[in-house]
Every structure is written in C-alpha cells, then in structure tokens.
Amino acid sequence: MTSPLQTPQPHRRCLPGIFISLLAALISAQATPAARAADHPLEIRPAPSALWGGRIPDVSKVLNSSAESLWPYFPGRTLTPILVDPKGGPITLFNRGPHGEYLVRLNTGGQHWAQHAYQFAHEFAHILANYNEHERSNKWFEESICEMASLFALRRMSETWKDRPPYPNWKDYSPALAKYADERIQAAQLPPGKTLAQWFHENEPQLRKEPCLRDKNTIVAVVLLPLFEKQPENWEAITWLNDGKSHGDRTFAKYLVDWQAQVPEKRRPIVRQIAEKFGTVVK
C-alpha cells in the first residue's frame, strides 16, 4: 500500500495487483476447511499414558481430526497447546499447565475412537468459547453448545473419513462415527408436539441449578445443530460467549443480549436465530 506522501502509479500498473488480490480472495473463499485450518495450526498432545492402549500416535490423529471439524471456523484464533489425559474427566481444567497449556481430561482409553472424538470435541468447544468460572446461572447453555460440538464433529468426521481418513484402513470407521452421533440424536428429541421454547420454560429452573444435565443439554444441542450444520461459520460466534461484562444471576434473555453485544455484526444473526428458538427476542 502506498502512503499519502508517495506518488500514485499509473492506473494500468495497479491492474495486476487488483487481479491478484481478487484471485487470492477467490482461492481463500474456496479453500477447504483443512486448508484454512492449516493457516493457524493447533498443537494437541495426548499424555504419555498406558491407558491409551499403546496407540498414542493414533489417538493424536483422532483428537486432531475431531478438533479440525471445528477449528477452521475460527479464523485468526491462536491457542496454546492442549494437553489431553485419558482419565479424570471429561473436563477442561481452569488451571493451566506450566507454559499456559490447556489441560483436558477425558474419560476413555484404548481404541474407542468415536468416544475419544466425542468427548474431546465437547472440551475443545469449551476452550473455543473462552470458558471461565464467572458464569453460573446460564452455564447450561455453554454445556449444550459443547454437546452440539460433539455431534457436529462426529458427523463431520464420518464424512471426512469416507475419503480422507487419517489412515487408509480407517475408512471403514466412518459409519461407526455417524452411528455414535445418530444414536445420541435419536435419544434426545423434544417431546412430541412441544417446541424448544415450551420445553425450556418447563426445564429452565433445573438447568440453572444443574448445568451439566447431559440428557437435557443434548436436547438443546439437537435442536440447534441444524443452524450450525447449514452455516458452520456460525461457530465463530461462541468466541464471545463468555466475553460479556456482566455475570452472575442473569436471565437467559439478558445473557443472549450480552452475547450479541459482543459478537461482530456478521455473527449476530445466529444469536437472533437461537433466541427465536427459545421464544425470545434480542435486538
């Protein structure tokens, strides 16, 4: 870019630069999620534990595949390394490692690839949502978003592994990944004839007291999942989920208003769409 003090070049000299910029933008728009993720790589380290069944390189492939289902939709983000232990969770600790690493603990082991991926995607979404200790009364919503991340990641992995599995002989795992997600989706349907808004009105008091009710979290996740599968760029909005200045005992409507106030304009539609599902309005 020229400064205001530089003499502008003849217009014809600018045409190649304009063409190159347009071409670069087109290539970027058409880049695969994997290519976009490569622009801001992740470092995920499975702990050197025997509970992985001696398959740490394979575990690393699974955890990275799970994360890469979501990571491309967070352009510009950088994260410190994520250290993953097979037991003690599933949980993402508020404490960090000696060099600022995220500490994730799963509740798995061996070669349960779908379980590894499902649990890790949930914890990875907490990291992407900038989890903190302050939000209490609406923590259930973040938990539901993270359950949705698990379903989203498994369904994405099942498609990716059809053609681009971590190893050629893992292609046959693709149906198992889809089945693992679909079984949880089928078990978490709204009661017949009820909208999410009606269901939430009945269940909100319990959710506010006990945010980690997985059966209820997953019901919310299943309803919202199509919004994110149709437009996966919506995932970026959870970056600001915990960035509101007010915490404590907020109504869910106020929580959504605060969230929308933090997200960039291009991500505000998803907050409004979620609010509509819950029968409320944010402006």
Foldseek 3Di string as FASTA:
>chain_A
DDDPPDDDDPPVVCVVVVVVVVVVVVCVVPDDLVVLCVVADAAEAEDPDCQQVPPRVVLVQLLVLLVSLQRSLAPPDHADHEYEYADDDQDWDPDADPVRYTYGYHPHHYPPSLRSSLSSQLRVLCVLLVHDDFAQQPLLQSSLVSNLSSLSSLLVSLVCLCPPGPDVVCSVCSVVSNVVSVVLLVQQEDDPPDALQRVCVVCSVVCSVPSPPPSPSPNLSSVLNVVCVVPVSLSNLSNQLPVFPDHDDDDVLVSLQSSLVPDPPVNNVSSQVSQVSNVHGHD
